């Protein structure tokens, strides 16, 4: 399963008026989810039990992998103490960029290509 946009998201993004209408709702939902208040990014919430995600985590640059582990540990500590991070440590929307999803999508594309090549049949004509 690739972590790309759903058909509904693509439908909305193709219509600027609908995107403009729903953007405040999306921002409200992100704020209500609360992961920014724990210093997390959206890609930090991707479940690690999928094989593709595990491979993608192994492909992360060392600095990005370290930052991810730091964000997760800091969020777990804040959650365990039932406290949010100070406001200056919250993840800002412009900092919440996808760093893991592109790798997962790349791995999905590679596996799809491999499956297509593995199922390829060679027809010999004499």
PDB file of N, CA and C in Angstrom:
ATOM      1  N   UNK A   1       0.836  -1.179   0.000  1.00  0.00           N
ATOM      2  CA  UNK A   1       0.000   0.000   0.000  1.00  0.00           C
ATOM      3  C   UNK A   1       0.882   1.243   0.000  1.00  0.00           C
ATOM      4  N   UNK A   2       0.728   2.072  -0.975  1.00  0.00           N
ATOM      5  CA  UNK A   2       1.472   3.319  -1.043  1.00  0.00           C
ATOM      6  C   UNK A   2       0.780   4.368  -0.180  1.00  0.00           C
ATOM      7  N   UNK A   3       1.572   5.271   0.316  1.00  0.00           N
ATOM      8  CA  UNK A   3       1.022   6.324   1.162  1.00  0.00           C
ATOM      9  C   UNK A   3       0.811   7.591   0.339  1.00  0.00           C
ATOM     10  N   UNK A   4       0.179   7.466  -0.785  1.00  0.00           N
ATOM     11  CA  UNK A   4      -0.082   8.619  -1.629  1.00  0.00           C
ATOM     12  C   UNK A   4      -1.453   9.193  -1.294  1.00  0.00           C
ATOM     13  N   UNK A   5      -1.799  10.248  -2.009  1.00  0.00           N
ATOM     14  CA  UNK A   5      -3.077  10.905  -1.746  1.00  0.00           C
ATOM     15  C   UNK A   5      -4.243  10.035  -2.194  1.00  0.00           C
ATOM     16  N   UNK A   6      -5.314  10.109  -1.447  1.00  0.00           N
ATOM     17  CA  UNK A   6      -6.524   9.386  -1.819  1.00  0.00           C
ATOM     18  C   UNK A   6      -7.220  10.117  -2.968  1.00  0.00           C
ATOM     19  N   UNK A   7      -8.127   9.446  -3.652  1.00  0.00           N
ATOM     20  CA  UNK A   7      -8.854  10.113  -4.743  1.00  0.00           C
ATOM     21  C   UNK A   7      -9.618  11.353  -4.278  1.00  0.00           C
ATOM     22  N   UNK A   8     -10.126  11.331  -3.055  1.00  0.00           N
ATOM     23  CA  UNK A   8     -10.841  12.500  -2.540  1.00  0.00           C
ATOM     24  C   UNK A   8      -9.901  13.696  -2.403  1.00  0.00           C
ATOM     25  N   UNK A   9      -8.703  13.458  -1.895  1.00  0.00           N
ATOM     26  CA  UNK A   9      -7.732  14.546  -1.747  1.00  0.00           C
ATOM     27  C   UNK A   9      -7.376  15.112  -3.117  1.00  0.00           C
ATOM     28  N   UNK A  10      -7.136  14.239  -4.083  1.00  0.00           N
ATOM     29  CA  UNK A  10      -6.807  14.702  -5.432  1.00  0.00           C
ATOM     30  C   UNK A  10      -7.970  15.484  -6.044  1.00  0.00           C
ATOM     31  N   UNK A  11      -9.197  15.031  -5.793  1.00  0.00           N
ATOM     32  CA  UNK A  11     -10.384  15.731  -6.274  1.00  0.00           C
ATOM     33  C   UNK A  11     -10.429  17.151  -5.716  1.00  0.00           C
ATOM     34  N   UNK A  12     -10.146  17.277  -4.424  1.00  0.00           N
ATOM     35  CA  UNK A  12     -10.186  18.587  -3.765  1.00  0.00           C
ATOM     36  C   UNK A  12      -9.052  19.477  -4.263  1.00  0.00           C
ATOM     37  N   UNK A  13      -7.851  18.916  -4.402  1.00  0.00           N
ATOM     38  CA  UNK A  13      -6.697  19.717  -4.824  1.00  0.00           C
ATOM     39  C   UNK A  13      -6.838  20.230  -6.262  1.00  0.00           C
ATOM     40  N   UNK A  14      -7.578  19.542  -7.098  1.00  0.00           N
ATOM     41  CA  UNK A  14      -7.776  19.981  -8.484  1.00  0.00           C
ATOM     42  C   UNK A  14      -8.774  21.133  -8.601  1.00  0.00           C
ATOM     43  N   UNK A  15      -9.494  21.416  -7.546  1.00  0.00           N
ATOM     44  CA  UNK A  15     -10.488  22.482  -7.557  1.00  0.00           C
ATOM     45  C   UNK A  15     -10.088  23.546  -6.534  1.00  0.00           C
ATOM     46  N   UNK A  16      -9.496  24.643  -7.012  1.00  0.00           N
ATOM     47  CA  UNK A  16      -8.987  25.673  -6.081  1.00  0.00           C
ATOM     48  C   UNK A  16     -10.057  26.229  -5.142  1.00  0.00           C
ATOM     49  N   UNK A  17     -11.274  26.406  -5.622  1.00  0.00           N
ATOM     50  CA  UNK A  17     -12.319  26.953  -4.763  1.00  0.00           C
ATOM     51  C   UNK A  17     -12.658  25.995  -3.631  1.00  0.00           C
ATOM     52  N   UNK A  18     -12.646  24.691  -3.924  1.00  0.00           N
ATOM     53  CA  UNK A  18     -12.949  23.694  -2.891  1.00  0.00           C
ATOM     54  C   UNK A  18     -11.787  23.581  -1.906  1.00  0.00           C
ATOM     55  N   UNK A  19     -10.570  23.663  -2.435  1.00  0.00           N
ATOM     56  CA  UNK A  19      -9.376  23.629  -1.577  1.00  0.00           C
ATOM     57  C   UNK A  19      -9.392  24.825  -0.620  1.00  0.00           C
ATOM     58  N   UNK A  20      -9.719  26.006  -1.159  1.00  0.00           N
ATOM     59  CA  UNK A  20      -9.767  27.216  -0.342  1.00  0.00           C
ATOM     60  C   UNK A  20     -10.863  27.111   0.725  1.00  0.00           C
ATOM     61  N   UNK A  21     -11.963  26.467   0.370  1.00  0.00           N
ATOM     62  CA  UNK A  21     -13.073  26.301   1.299  1.00  0.00           C
ATOM     63  C   UNK A  21     -12.727  25.329   2.434  1.00  0.00           C
ATOM     64  N   UNK A  22     -12.037  24.249   2.105  1.00  0.00           N
ATOM     65  CA  UNK A  22     -11.755  23.200   3.093  1.00  0.00           C
ATOM     66  C   UNK A  22     -10.439  23.381   3.849  1.00  0.00           C
ATOM     67  N   UNK A  23      -9.578  24.289   3.420  1.00  0.00           N
ATOM     68  CA  UNK A  23      -8.277  24.491   4.079  1.00  0.00           C
ATOM     69  C   UNK A  23      -8.427  24.865   5.559  1.00  0.00           C
ATOM     70  N   UNK A  24      -9.337  25.768   5.937  1.00  0.00           N
ATOM     71  CA  UNK A  24      -9.505  26.062   7.372  1.00  0.00           C
ATOM     72  C   UNK A  24      -9.951  24.836   8.178  1.00  0.00           C
ATOM     73  N   UNK A  25     -10.783  24.000   7.588  1.00  0.00           N
ATOM     74  CA  UNK A  25     -11.225  22.780   8.274  1.00  0.00           C
ATOM     75  C   UNK A  25     -10.041  21.842   8.472  1.00  0.00           C
ATOM     76  N   UNK A  26      -9.200  21.720   7.454  1.00  0.00           N
ATOM     77  CA  UNK A  26      -8.017  20.865   7.563  1.00  0.00           C
ATOM     78  C   UNK A  26      -7.060  21.394   8.625  1.00  0.00           C
ATOM     79  N   UNK A  27      -6.869  22.712   8.653  1.00  0.00           N
ATOM     80  CA  UNK A  27      -5.989  23.305   9.678  1.00  0.00           C
ATOM     81  C   UNK A  27      -6.563  23.099  11.077  1.00  0.00           C
ATOM     82  N   UNK A  28      -7.877  23.206  11.214  1.00  0.00           N
ATOM     83  CA  UNK A  28      -8.498  22.965  12.509  1.00  0.00           C
ATOM     84  C   UNK A  28      -8.275  21.513  12.945  1.00  0.00           C
ATOM     85  N   UNK A  29      -8.440  20.591  12.007  1.00  0.00           N
ATOM     86  CA  UNK A  29      -8.270  19.172  12.328  1.00  0.00           C
ATOM     87  C   UNK A  29      -6.827  18.882  12.753  1.00  0.00           C
ATOM     88  N   UNK A  30      -5.874  19.442  12.037  1.00  0.00           N
ATOM     89  CA  UNK A  30      -4.462  19.235  12.401  1.00  0.00           C
ATOM     90  C   UNK A  30      -4.204  19.772  13.796  1.00  0.00           C
ATOM     91  N   UNK A  31      -4.751  20.937  14.107  1.00  0.00           N
ATOM     92  CA  UNK A  31      -4.579  21.515  15.442  1.00  0.00           C
ATOM     93  C   UNK A  31      -5.269  20.661  16.500  1.00  0.00           C
ATOM     94  N   UNK A  32      -6.455  20.141  16.173  1.00  0.00           N
ATOM     95  CA  UNK A  32      -7.197  19.311  17.131  1.00  0.00           C
ATOM     96  C   UNK A  32      -6.499  17.974  17.360  1.00  0.00           C
ATOM     97  N   UNK A  33      -5.794  17.462  16.348  1.00  0.00           N
ATOM     98  CA  UNK A  33      -5.084  16.188  16.502  1.00  0.00           C
ATOM     99  C   UNK A  33      -4.010  16.304  17.580  1.00  0.00           C
ATOM    100  N   UNK A  34      -3.387  17.457  17.698  1.00  0.00           N
ATOM    101  CA  UNK A  34      -2.474  17.723  18.806  1.00  0.00           C
ATOM    102  C   UNK A  34      -1.049  17.241  18.645  1.00  0.00           C
ATOM    103  N   UNK A  35      -0.710  16.612  17.535  1.00  0.00           N
ATOM    104  CA  UNK A  35       0.659  16.105  17.432  1.00  0.00           C
ATOM    105  C   UNK A  35       1.679  17.226  17.276  1.00  0.00           C
ATOM    106  N   UNK A  36       1.280  18.378  16.747  1.00  0.00           N
ATOM    107  CA  UNK A  36       2.208  19.512  16.670  1.00  0.00           C
ATOM    108  C   UNK A  36       2.572  20.007  18.064  1.00  0.00           C
ATOM    109  N   UNK A  37       1.620  19.908  18.980  1.00  0.00           N
ATOM    110  CA  UNK A  37       1.864  20.372  20.352  1.00  0.00           C
ATOM    111  C   UNK A  37       2.822  19.455  21.098  1.00  0.00           C
ATOM    112  N   UNK A  38       3.054  18.267  20.557  1.00  0.00           N
ATOM    113  CA  UNK A  38       4.025  17.336  21.132  1.00  0.00           C
ATOM    114  C   UNK A  38       5.343  17.367  20.367  1.00  0.00           C
ATOM    115  N   UNK A  39       5.442  18.257  19.382  1.00  0.00           N
ATOM    116  CA  UNK A  39       6.677  18.396  18.623  1.00  0.00           C
ATOM    117  C   UNK A  39       6.827  17.375  17.509  1.00  0.00           C
ATOM    118  N   UNK A  40       5.743  16.714  17.129  1.00  0.00           N
ATOM    119  CA  UNK A  40       5.820  15.676  16.097  1.00  0.00           C
ATOM    120  C   UNK A  40       5.457  16.227  14.728  1.00  0.00           C
ATOM    121  N   UNK A  41       5.900  15.524  13.702  1.00  0.00           N
ATOM    122  CA  UNK A  41       5.490  15.791  12.328  1.00  0.00           C
ATOM    123  C   UNK A  41       4.475  14.724  11.937  1.00  0.00           C
ATOM    124  N   UNK A  42       3.758  14.969  10.851  1.00  0.00           N
ATOM    125  CA  UNK A  42       2.739  14.013  10.399  1.00  0.00           C
ATOM    126  C   UNK A  42       3.364  12.659  10.067  1.00  0.00           C
ATOM    127  N   UNK A  43       4.546  12.653   9.455  1.00  0.00           N
ATOM    128  CA  UNK A  43       5.184  11.383   9.094  1.00  0.00           C
ATOM    129  C   UNK A  43       5.670  10.601  10.311  1.00  0.00           C
ATOM    130  N   UNK A  44       5.795  11.260  11.460  1.00  0.00           N
ATOM    131  CA  UNK A  44       6.165  10.541  12.685  1.00  0.00           C
ATOM    132  C   UNK A  44       5.035   9.620  13.143  1.00  0.00           C
ATOM    133  N   UNK A  45       3.827   9.855  12.661  1.00  0.00           N
ATOM    134  CA  UNK A  45       2.667   9.076  13.077  1.00  0.00           C
ATOM    135  C   UNK A  45       2.432   7.833  12.227  1.00  0.00           C
ATOM    136  N   UNK A  46       3.234   7.638  11.184  1.00  0.00           N
ATOM    137  CA  UNK A  46       3.070   6.473  10.314  1.00  0.00           C
ATOM    138  C   UNK A  46       3.462   5.224  11.097  1.00  0.00           C
ATOM    139  N   UNK A  47       2.621   4.205  11.043  1.00  0.00           N
ATOM    140  CA  UNK A  47       2.849   2.967  11.787  1.00  0.00           C
ATOM    141  C   UNK A  47       4.070   2.246  11.227  1.00  0.00           C
ATOM    142  N   UNK A  48       4.958   1.830  12.107  1.00  0.00           N
ATOM    143  CA  UNK A  48       6.226   1.232  11.696  1.00  0.00           C
ATOM    144  C   UNK A  48       6.145  -0.271  11.448  1.00  0.00           C
ATOM    145  N   UNK A  49       4.992  -0.873  11.580  1.00  0.00           N
ATOM    146  CA  UNK A  49       4.889  -2.328  11.475  1.00  0.00           C
ATOM    147  C   UNK A  49       4.826  -2.830  10.037  1.00  0.00           C
ATOM    148  N   UNK A  50       4.653  -1.942   9.082  1.00  0.00           N
ATOM    149  CA  UNK A  50       4.605  -2.319   7.675  1.00  0.00           C
ATOM    150  C   UNK A  50       6.031  -2.505   7.157  1.00  0.00           C
ATOM    151  N   UNK A  51       6.243  -3.524   6.340  1.00  0.00           N
ATOM    152  CA  UNK A  51       7.581  -3.811   5.801  1.00  0.00           C
ATOM    153  C   UNK A  51       8.144  -2.646   5.005  1.00  0.00           C
ATOM    154  N   UNK A  52       7.277  -1.986   4.243  1.00  0.00           N
ATOM    155  CA  UNK A  52       7.736  -0.861   3.424  1.00  0.00           C
ATOM    156  C   UNK A  52       8.208   0.293   4.297  1.00  0.00           C
ATOM    157  N   UNK A  53       7.524   0.526   5.394  1.00  0.00           N
ATOM    158  CA  UNK A  53       7.912   1.609   6.300  1.00  0.00           C
ATOM    159  C   UNK A  53       9.232   1.260   6.982  1.00  0.00           C
ATOM    160  N   UNK A  54       9.420   0.006   7.346  1.00  0.00           N
ATOM    161  CA  UNK A  54      10.681  -0.421   7.958  1.00  0.00           C
ATOM    162  C   UNK A  54      11.840  -0.197   6.984  1.00  0.00           C
ATOM    163  N   UNK A  55      11.643  -0.559   5.716  1.00  0.00           N
ATOM    164  CA  UNK A  55      12.678  -0.325   4.705  1.00  0.00           C
ATOM    165  C   UNK A  55      12.935   1.169   4.532  1.00  0.00           C
ATOM    166  N   UNK A  56      11.867   1.959   4.537  1.00  0.00           N
ATOM    167  CA  UNK A  56      12.016   3.408   4.375  1.00  0.00           C
ATOM    168  C   UNK A  56      12.785   4.009   5.551  1.00  0.00           C
ATOM    169  N   UNK A  57      12.525   3.513   6.751  1.00  0.00           N
ATOM    170  CA  UNK A  57      13.253   4.017   7.921  1.00  0.00           C
ATOM    171  C   UNK A  57      14.744   3.708   7.816  1.00  0.00           C
ATOM    172  N   UNK A  58      15.068   2.568   7.228  1.00  0.00           N
ATOM    173  CA  UNK A  58      16.480   2.215   7.044  1.00  0.00           C
ATOM    174  C   UNK A  58      17.152   3.106   6.006  1.00  0.00           C
ATOM    175  N   UNK A  59      16.375   3.671   5.097  1.00  0.00           N
ATOM    176  CA  UNK A  59      16.921   4.541   4.045  1.00  0.00           C
ATOM    177  C   UNK A  59      17.031   6.004   4.468  1.00  0.00           C
ATOM    178  N   UNK A  60      16.492   6.344   5.620  1.00  0.00           N
ATOM    179  CA  UNK A  60      16.568   7.726   6.079  1.00  0.00           C
ATOM    180  C   UNK A  60      18.014   8.142   6.298  1.00  0.00           C
ATOM    181  N   UNK A  61      18.361   9.380   5.991  1.00  0.00           N
ATOM    182  CA  UNK A  61      19.698   9.870   6.332  1.00  0.00           C
ATOM    183  C   UNK A  61      19.878   9.836   7.856  1.00  0.00           C
ATOM    184  N   UNK A  62      21.099   9.644   8.337  1.00  0.00           N
ATOM    185  CA  UNK A  62      21.323   9.527   9.793  1.00  0.00           C
ATOM    186  C   UNK A  62      20.777  10.706  10.600  1.00  0.00           C
ATOM    187  N   UNK A  63      20.940  11.918  10.116  1.00  0.00           N
ATOM    188  CA  UNK A  63      20.448  13.095  10.851  1.00  0.00           C
ATOM    189  C   UNK A  63      18.930  13.069  10.963  1.00  0.00           C
ATOM    190  N   UNK A  64      18.247  12.734   9.863  1.00  0.00           N
ATOM    191  CA  UNK A  64      16.777  12.683   9.879  1.00  0.00           C
ATOM    192  C   UNK A  64      16.291  11.555  10.799  1.00  0.00           C
ATOM    193  N   UNK A  65      16.975  10.414  10.786  1.00  0.00           N
ATOM    194  CA  UNK A  65      16.606   9.296  11.660  1.00  0.00           C
ATOM    195  C   UNK A  65      16.784   9.685  13.127  1.00  0.00           C
ATOM    196  N   UNK A  66      17.883  10.371  13.434  1.00  0.00           N
ATOM    197  CA  UNK A  66      18.130  10.811  14.806  1.00  0.00           C
ATOM    198  C   UNK A  66      17.064  11.817  15.239  1.00  0.00           C
ATOM    199  N   UNK A  67      16.765  12.776  14.366  1.00  0.00           N
ATOM    200  CA  UNK A  67      15.742  13.780  14.695  1.00  0.00           C
ATOM    201  C   UNK A  67      14.388  13.122  14.941  1.00  0.00           C
ATOM    202  N   UNK A  68      14.063  12.103  14.159  1.00  0.00           N
ATOM    203  CA  UNK A  68      12.789  11.390  14.309  1.00  0.00           C
ATOM    204  C   UNK A  68      12.708  10.698  15.671  1.00  0.00           C
ATOM    205  N   UNK A  69      13.775   9.997  16.020  1.00  0.00           N
ATOM    206  CA  UNK A  69      13.804   9.303  17.317  1.00  0.00           C
ATOM    207  C   UNK A  69      13.712  10.319  18.458  1.00  0.00           C
ATOM    208  N   UNK A  70      14.414  11.447  18.315  1.00  0.00           N
ATOM    209  CA  UNK A  70      14.359  12.485  19.339  1.00  0.00           C
ATOM    210  C   UNK A  70      12.941  13.030  19.503  1.00  0.00           C
ATOM    211  N   UNK A  71      12.275  13.315  18.366  1.00  0.00           N
ATOM    212  CA  UNK A  71      10.900  13.831  18.434  1.00  0.00           C
ATOM    213  C   UNK A  71       9.967  12.820  19.102  1.00  0.00           C
ATOM    214  N   UNK A  72      10.108  11.549  18.740  1.00  0.00           N
ATOM    215  CA  UNK A  72       9.245  10.517  19.327  1.00  0.00           C
ATOM    216  C   UNK A  72       9.481  10.371  20.825  1.00  0.00           C
ATOM    217  N   UNK A  73      10.745  10.337  21.232  1.00  0.00           N
ATOM    218  CA  UNK A  73      11.039  10.199  22.677  1.00  0.00           C
ATOM    219  C   UNK A  73      10.546  11.398  23.468  1.00  0.00           C
ATOM    220  N   UNK A  74      10.739  12.590  22.904  1.00  0.00           N
ATOM    221  CA  UNK A  74      10.268  13.805  23.576  1.00  0.00           C
ATOM    222  C   UNK A  74       8.741  13.790  23.690  1.00  0.00           C
ATOM    223  N   UNK A  75       8.059  13.320  22.642  1.00  0.00           N
ATOM    224  CA  UNK A  75       6.595  13.251  22.670  1.00  0.00           C
ATOM    225  C   UNK A  75       6.119  12.211  23.687  1.00  0.00           C
ATOM    226  N   UNK A  76       6.783  11.054  23.742  1.00  0.00           N
ATOM    227  CA  UNK A  76       6.408  10.030  24.729  1.00  0.00           C
ATOM    228  C   UNK A  76       6.600  10.558  26.143  1.00  0.00           C
ATOM    229  N   UNK A  77       7.691  11.284  26.378  1.00  0.00           N
ATOM    230  CA  UNK A  77       7.943  11.845  27.705  1.00  0.00           C
ATOM    231  C   UNK A  77       6.873  12.872  28.063  1.00  0.00           C
ATOM    232  N   UNK A  78       6.534  13.732  27.130  1.00  0.00           N
ATOM    233  CA  UNK A  78       5.497  14.738  27.389  1.00  0.00           C
ATOM    234  C   UNK A  78       4.152  14.064  27.634  1.00  0.00           C
ATOM    235  N   UNK A  79       3.857  13.020  26.881  1.00  0.00           N
ATOM    236  CA  UNK A  79       2.597  12.303  27.054  1.00  0.00           C
ATOM    237  C   UNK A  79       2.553  11.595  28.404  1.00  0.00           C
ATOM    238  N   UNK A  80       3.672  11.003  28.807  1.00  0.00           N
ATOM    239  CA  UNK A  80       3.716  10.283  30.091  1.00  0.00           C
ATOM    240  C   UNK A  80       3.529  11.223  31.269  1.00  0.00           C
ATOM    241  N   UNK A  81       4.013  12.448  31.133  1.00  0.00           N
ATOM    242  CA  UNK A  81       3.860  13.413  32.230  1.00  0.00           C
ATOM    243  C   UNK A  81       2.589  14.250  32.089  1.00  0.00           C
ATOM    244  N   UNK A  82       1.791  13.968  31.048  1.00  0.00           N
ATOM    245  CA  UNK A  82       0.529  14.668  30.792  1.00  0.00           C
ATOM    246  C   UNK A  82       0.731  16.173  30.641  1.00  0.00           C
ATOM    247  N   UNK A  83       1.825  16.534  29.952  1.00  0.00           N
ATOM    248  CA  UNK A  83       2.113  17.946  29.701  1.00  0.00           C
ATOM    249  C   UNK A  83       2.444  18.132  28.236  1.00  0.00           C
ATOM    250  N   UNK A  84       2.065  19.285  27.702  1.00  0.00           N
ATOM    251  CA  UNK A  84       2.439  19.640  26.345  1.00  0.00           C
ATOM    252  C   UNK A  84       3.777  20.358  26.379  1.00  0.00           C
ATOM    253  N   UNK A  85       4.439  20.384  25.247  1.00  0.00           N
ATOM    254  CA  UNK A  85       5.694  21.114  25.145  1.00  0.00           C
ATOM    255  C   UNK A  85       5.418  22.617  25.226  1.00  0.00           C
ATOM    256  N   UNK A  86       6.436  23.396  25.590  1.00  0.00           N
ATOM    257  CA  UNK A  86       6.258  24.851  25.531  1.00  0.00           C
ATOM    258  C   UNK A  86       5.939  25.273  24.096  1.00  0.00           C
ATOM    259  N   UNK A  87       5.191  26.338  23.946  1.00  0.00           N
ATOM    260  CA  UNK A  87       4.700  26.750  22.632  1.00  0.00           C
ATOM    261  C   UNK A  87       5.820  26.964  21.619  1.00  0.00           C
ATOM    262  N   UNK A  88       6.988  27.426  22.045  1.00  0.00           N
ATOM    263  CA  UNK A  88       8.087  27.664  21.101  1.00  0.00           C
ATOM    264  C   UNK A  88       8.692  26.357  20.576  1.00  0.00           C
ATOM    265  N   UNK A  89       8.391  25.219  21.220  1.00  0.00           N
ATOM    266  CA  UNK A  89       8.900  23.922  20.762  1.00  0.00           C
ATOM    267  C   UNK A  89       7.871  23.142  19.939  1.00  0.00           C
ATOM    268  N   UNK A  90       6.682  23.684  19.760  1.00  0.00           N
ATOM    269  CA  UNK A  90       5.673  23.028  18.929  1.00  0.00           C
ATOM    270  C   UNK A  90       6.164  22.992  17.485  1.00  0.00           C
ATOM    271  N   UNK A  91       5.736  21.991  16.740  1.00  0.00           N
ATOM    272  CA  UNK A  91       6.074  21.920  15.327  1.00  0.00           C
ATOM    273  C   UNK A  91       5.228  22.928  14.574  1.00  0.00           C
ATOM    274  N   UNK A  92       5.906  23.794  13.840  1.00  0.00           N
ATOM    275  CA  UNK A  92       5.191  24.787  13.035  1.00  0.00           C
ATOM    276  C   UNK A  92       4.730  24.132  11.732  1.00  0.00           C
ATOM    277  N   UNK A  93       3.617  24.597  11.169  1.00  0.00           N
ATOM    278  CA  UNK A  93       3.113  23.980   9.933  1.00  0.00           C
ATOM    279  C   UNK A  93       4.141  23.952   8.801  1.00  0.00           C
ATOM    280  N   UNK A  94       4.988  24.981   8.692  1.00  0.00           N
ATOM    281  CA  UNK A  94       5.987  24.989   7.627  1.00  0.00           C
ATOM    282  C   UNK A  94       7.121  23.987   7.883  1.00  0.00           C
ATOM    283  N   UNK A  95       7.283  23.541   9.125  1.00  0.00           N
ATOM    284  CA  UNK A  95       8.290  22.521   9.449  1.00  0.00           C
ATOM    285  C   UNK A  95       7.755  21.107   9.223  1.00  0.00           C
ATOM    286  N   UNK A  96       6.453  20.983   9.123  1.00  0.00           N
ATOM    287  CA  UNK A  96       5.820  19.660   8.985  1.00  0.00           C
ATOM    288  C   UNK A  96       5.828  19.227   7.520  1.00  0.00           C
ATOM    289  N   UNK A  97       7.010  18.859   7.060  1.00  0.00           N
ATOM    290  CA  UNK A  97       7.168  18.406   5.673  1.00  0.00           C
ATOM    291  C   UNK A  97       7.300  16.888   5.657  1.00  0.00           C
ATOM    292  N   UNK A  98       6.861  16.289   4.577  1.00  0.00           N
ATOM    293  CA  UNK A  98       6.942  14.828   4.441  1.00  0.00           C
ATOM    294  C   UNK A  98       8.394  14.426   4.244  1.00  0.00           C
ATOM    295  N   UNK A  99       8.888  13.541   5.086  1.00  0.00           N
ATOM    296  CA  UNK A  99      10.247  13.025   4.928  1.00  0.00           C
ATOM    297  C   UNK A  99      10.240  11.508   4.787  1.00  0.00           C
ATOM    298  N   UNK A 100       9.189  10.852   5.246  1.00  0.00           N
ATOM    299  CA  UNK A 100       9.126   9.396   5.198  1.00  0.00           C
ATOM    300  C   UNK A 100       8.207   8.906   4.075  1.00  0.00           C
ATOM    301  N   UNK A 101       7.114   9.609   3.846  1.00  0.00           N
ATOM    302  CA  UNK A 101       6.170   9.203   2.797  1.00  0.00           C
ATOM    303  C   UNK A 101       6.797   9.085   1.413  1.00  0.00           C
ATOM    304  N   UNK A 102       7.656  10.017   0.991  1.00  0.00           N
ATOM    305  CA  UNK A 102       8.283   9.846  -0.328  1.00  0.00           C
ATOM    306  C   UNK A 102       9.112   8.565  -0.426  1.00  0.00           C
ATOM    307  N   UNK A 103       9.791   8.197   0.650  1.00  0.00           N
ATOM    308  CA  UNK A 103      10.574   6.959   0.647  1.00  0.00           C
ATOM    309  C   UNK A 103       9.671   5.732   0.586  1.00  0.00           C
ATOM    310  N   UNK A 104       8.577   5.758   1.328  1.00  0.00           N
ATOM    311  CA  UNK A 104       7.636   4.636   1.308  1.00  0.00           C
ATOM    312  C   UNK A 104       7.023   4.497  -0.081  1.00  0.00           C
ATOM    313  N   UNK A 105       6.659   5.619  -0.696  1.00  0.00           N
ATOM    314  CA  UNK A 105       6.104   5.572  -2.050  1.00  0.00           C
ATOM    315  C   UNK A 105       7.129   5.057  -3.051  1.00  0.00           C
ATOM    316  N   UNK A 106       8.393   5.442  -2.869  1.00  0.00           N
ATOM    317  CA  UNK A 106       9.461   4.959  -3.749  1.00  0.00           C
ATOM    318  C   UNK A 106       9.627   3.446  -3.600  1.00  0.00           C
ATOM    319  N   UNK A 107       9.608   2.945  -2.381  1.00  0.00           N
ATOM    320  CA  UNK A 107       9.730   1.504  -2.137  1.00  0.00           C
ATOM    321  C   UNK A 107       8.537   0.771  -2.741  1.00  0.00           C
ATOM    322  N   UNK A 108       7.349   1.340  -2.599  1.00  0.00           N
ATOM    323  CA  UNK A 108       6.154   0.731  -3.190  1.00  0.00           C
ATOM    324  C   UNK A 108       6.299   0.634  -4.710  1.00  0.00           C
ATOM    325  N   UNK A 109       6.789   1.709  -5.326  1.00  0.00           N
ATOM    326  CA  UNK A 109       6.979   1.706  -6.782  1.00  0.00           C
ATOM    327  C   UNK A 109       8.034   0.674  -7.191  1.00  0.00           C
ATOM    328  N   UNK A 110       9.104   0.560  -6.406  1.00  0.00           N
ATOM    329  CA  UNK A 110      10.146  -0.426  -6.709  1.00  0.00           C
ATOM    330  C   UNK A 110       9.596  -1.849  -6.618  1.00  0.00           C
ATOM    331  N   UNK A 111       8.805  -2.116  -5.584  1.00  0.00           N
ATOM    332  CA  UNK A 111       8.239  -3.458  -5.424  1.00  0.00           C
ATOM    333  C   UNK A 111       7.225  -3.767  -6.526  1.00  0.00           C
ATOM    334  N   UNK A 112       6.469  -2.763  -6.934  1.00  0.00           N
ATOM    335  CA  UNK A 112       5.516  -2.947  -8.023  1.00  0.00           C
ATOM    336  C   UNK A 112       6.262  -3.249  -9.330  1.00  0.00           C
ATOM    337  N   UNK A 113       7.354  -2.519  -9.565  1.00  0.00           N
ATOM    338  CA  UNK A 113       8.156  -2.759 -10.760  1.00  0.00           C
ATOM    339  C   UNK A 113       8.791  -4.143 -10.725  1.00  0.00           C
ATOM    340  N   UNK A 114       9.288  -4.539  -9.557  1.00  0.00           N
ATOM    341  CA  UNK A 114       9.903  -5.862  -9.417  1.00  0.00           C
ATOM    342  C   UNK A 114       8.876  -6.961  -9.674  1.00  0.00           C
ATOM    343  N   UNK A 115       7.669  -6.786  -9.135  1.00  0.00           N
ATOM    344  CA  UNK A 115       6.617  -7.782  -9.356  1.00  0.00           C
ATOM    345  C   UNK A 115       6.257  -7.867 -10.839  1.00  0.00           C
ATOM    346  N   UNK A 116       6.227  -6.737 -11.510  1.00  0.00           N
ATOM    347  CA  UNK A 116       5.917  -6.734 -12.942  1.00  0.00           C
ATOM    348  C   UNK A 116       7.016  -7.437 -13.735  1.00  0.00           C
ATOM    349  N   UNK A 117       8.251  -7.197 -13.346  1.00  0.00           N
ATOM    350  CA  UNK A 117       9.373  -7.848 -14.053  1.00  0.00           C
ATOM    351  C   UNK A 117       9.453  -9.328 -13.728  1.00  0.00           C
ATOM    352  N   UNK A 118       9.127  -9.696 -12.484  1.00  0.00           N
ATOM    353  CA  UNK A 118       9.157 -11.118 -12.111  1.00  0.00           C
ATOM    354  C   UNK A 118       8.066 -11.917 -12.805  1.00  0.00           C
ATOM    355  N   UNK A 119       6.969 -11.274 -13.103  1.00  0.00           N
ATOM    356  CA  UNK A 119       5.863 -11.992 -13.755  1.00  0.00           C
ATOM    357  C   UNK A 119       5.954 -11.919 -15.292  1.00  0.00           C
ATOM    358  N   UNK A 120       7.010 -11.334 -15.763  1.00  0.00           N
ATOM    359  CA  UNK A 120       7.207 -11.193 -17.196  1.00  0.00           C
ATOM    360  C   UNK A 120       7.480 -12.564 -17.808  1.00  0.00           C
ATOM    361  N   UNK A 121       6.829 -12.862 -18.890  1.00  0.00           N
ATOM    362  CA  UNK A 121       7.061 -14.123 -19.574  1.00  0.00           C
ATOM    363  C   UNK A 121       7.760 -13.863 -20.893  1.00  0.00           C
ATOM    364  N   UNK A 122       8.715 -14.709 -21.166  1.00  0.00           N
ATOM    365  CA  UNK A 122       9.478 -14.586 -22.385  1.00  0.00           C
ATOM    366  C   UNK A 122       8.926 -15.584 -23.390  1.00  0.00           C
ATOM    367  N   UNK A 123       8.570 -15.101 -24.533  1.00  0.00           N
ATOM    368  CA  UNK A 123       8.044 -15.958 -25.590  1.00  0.00           C
ATOM    369  C   UNK A 123       9.114 -16.082 -26.669  1.00  0.00           C
ATOM    370  N   UNK A 124       9.544 -17.282 -26.871  1.00  0.00           N
ATOM    371  CA  UNK A 124      10.580 -17.524 -27.890  1.00  0.00           C
ATOM    372  C   UNK A 124       9.912 -17.987 -29.157  1.00  0.00           C
ATOM    373  N   UNK A 125      10.338 -17.398 -30.218  1.00  0.00           N
ATOM    374  CA  UNK A 125       9.813 -17.854 -31.517  1.00  0.00           C
ATOM    375  C   UNK A 125      10.985 -18.407 -32.327  1.00  0.00           C
ATOM    376  N   UNK A 126      10.791 -19.554 -32.899  1.00  0.00           N
ATOM    377  CA  UNK A 126      11.858 -20.191 -33.674  1.00  0.00           C
ATOM    378  C   UNK A 126      11.674 -20.011 -35.116  1.00  0.00           C
TER     379      UNK A 126
END
